[in-house]
């Protein structure tokens, strides 16, 4: 007898119902793992960013998505006017602001 024949003769025979229920349990377990390690932290971070954007104030130092550091000079409904140098102002979308410069500098110093 070859090795494969011996393996199949000794392998336990499981019914189709056992394999089907095990597949569903594994599928649900994978979804739960993905939720707690990927989806939930991402949603939490998006809420923090949204709350930060709602709390923007004039004369606050911020960093844009492109890495531009500036000071908020004017806040409108959808955009913000940043002063990036003396008398140099740019208008950017609120969704492009990601962090307060003070928060970013303090997290860099702690590393």
Protein backbone atom coordinates (compact mmCIF):
# COMPACT_ATOMS: atom_id res chain seq x y z
CA UNK A 1 0.00 0.00 0.00
CA UNK A 2 1.20 3.42 -0.73
CA UNK A 3 1.13 6.30 1.77
CA UNK A 4 -1.99 8.02 0.38
CA UNK A 5 -4.07 4.84 0.70
CA UNK A 6 -3.03 4.44 4.33
CA UNK A 7 -3.89 8.10 5.03
CA UNK A 8 -7.38 7.84 3.54
CA UNK A 9 -8.08 4.58 5.38
CA UNK A 10 -7.18 6.16 8.73
CA UNK A 11 -8.79 9.58 8.18
CA UNK A 12 -12.04 10.05 10.10
CA UNK A 13 -15.11 10.49 8.01
CA UNK A 14 -17.10 13.63 8.85
CA UNK A 15 -20.57 14.30 7.60
CA UNK A 16 -21.37 17.21 5.30
CA UNK A 17 -23.29 19.01 8.08
CA UNK A 18 -20.20 19.20 10.29
CA UNK A 19 -18.06 20.70 7.52
CA UNK A 20 -20.73 23.27 6.62
CA UNK A 21 -21.24 24.51 10.16
CA UNK A 22 -17.49 24.70 10.75
CA UNK A 23 -17.13 26.83 7.62
CA UNK A 24 -19.75 29.31 8.92
CA UNK A 25 -18.09 29.48 12.33
CA UNK A 26 -14.72 30.24 10.75
CA UNK A 27 -16.29 32.86 8.45
CA UNK A 28 -17.96 34.62 11.37
CA UNK A 29 -14.75 34.46 13.42
CA UNK A 30 -12.79 36.05 10.55
CA UNK A 31 -15.33 38.88 10.30
CA UNK A 32 -15.18 39.52 14.05
CA UNK A 33 -11.38 39.63 13.97
CA UNK A 34 -11.40 42.02 11.00
CA UNK A 35 -13.95 44.26 12.74
CA UNK A 36 -11.94 44.62 15.95
CA UNK A 37 -8.52 44.99 14.33
CA UNK A 38 -9.32 46.98 11.16
CA UNK A 39 -12.79 48.51 10.89
CA UNK A 40 -13.35 49.74 14.46
CA UNK A 41 -9.98 51.54 14.87
CA UNK A 42 -10.40 53.22 11.47
CA UNK A 43 -13.89 54.49 12.36
CA UNK A 44 -12.60 55.77 15.69
CA UNK A 45 -9.78 57.66 13.99
CA UNK A 46 -12.16 59.19 11.44
CA UNK A 47 -14.41 60.44 14.27
CA UNK A 48 -11.42 62.03 16.02
CA UNK A 49 -10.40 63.83 12.81
CA UNK A 50 -13.98 65.03 12.23
CA UNK A 51 -14.18 66.38 15.80
CA UNK A 52 -10.82 68.12 15.35
CA UNK A 53 -12.01 69.81 12.15
CA UNK A 54 -15.19 71.00 13.89
CA UNK A 55 -13.12 72.57 16.68
CA UNK A 56 -10.78 74.60 14.45
CA UNK A 57 -10.14 78.13 15.69
CA UNK A 58 -8.57 81.29 14.28
CA UNK A 59 -4.82 81.65 15.09
CA UNK A 60 -4.46 77.87 15.59
CA UNK A 61 -1.36 76.25 14.12
CA UNK A 62 -2.22 73.33 11.82
CA UNK A 63 -0.66 70.96 9.28
CA UNK A 64 -2.31 70.20 5.94
CA UNK A 65 -2.45 66.89 4.09
CA UNK A 66 0.41 68.09 1.90
CA UNK A 67 2.60 68.84 4.92
CA UNK A 68 2.20 72.64 4.86
CA UNK A 69 2.41 74.23 8.30
CA UNK A 70 0.36 77.34 8.80
CA UNK A 71 -1.81 79.47 11.06
CA UNK A 72 -5.55 79.69 10.50
CA UNK A 73 -6.60 83.25 9.70
CA UNK A 74 -10.18 82.70 8.52
CA UNK A 75 -12.67 79.83 8.73
CA UNK A 76 -15.53 79.43 6.24
CA UNK A 77 -18.08 76.65 5.74
CA UNK A 78 -15.96 74.48 3.42
CA UNK A 79 -12.53 76.09 3.40
CA UNK A 80 -9.91 77.72 5.59
CA UNK A 81 -7.47 80.56 4.92
CA UNK A 82 -3.98 79.69 6.17
CA UNK A 83 -1.07 82.05 6.58
CA UNK A 84 2.03 80.03 5.69
CA UNK A 85 4.49 82.94 5.81
CA UNK A 86 4.18 86.62 6.64
CA UNK A 87 1.56 88.06 4.26
CA UNK A 88 1.33 84.79 2.31
CA UNK A 89 -2.15 83.29 2.62
CA UNK A 90 -3.65 80.27 0.91
CA UNK A 91 -7.21 78.96 0.84
CA UNK A 92 -7.56 75.22 1.35
CA UNK A 93 -10.41 72.78 1.89
CA UNK A 94 -11.21 71.89 5.51
CA UNK A 95 -10.81 68.21 4.67
CA UNK A 96 -7.11 68.87 3.95
CA UNK A 97 -6.33 69.78 7.56
CA UNK A 98 -5.21 66.78 9.57
CA UNK A 99 -3.39 67.83 12.71
CA UNK A 100 -2.64 70.65 15.05
CA UNK A 101 1.03 71.59 14.75
CA UNK A 102 1.45 71.60 18.54
CA UNK A 103 0.08 68.04 18.79
CA UNK A 104 2.34 66.82 15.98
CA UNK A 105 5.43 68.41 17.54
CA UNK A 106 4.71 66.94 20.98
CA UNK A 107 4.25 63.43 19.56
CA UNK A 108 7.52 63.75 17.61
CA UNK A 109 9.39 64.80 20.75
CA UNK A 110 8.10 61.81 22.74
CA UNK A 111 9.46 59.25 20.23
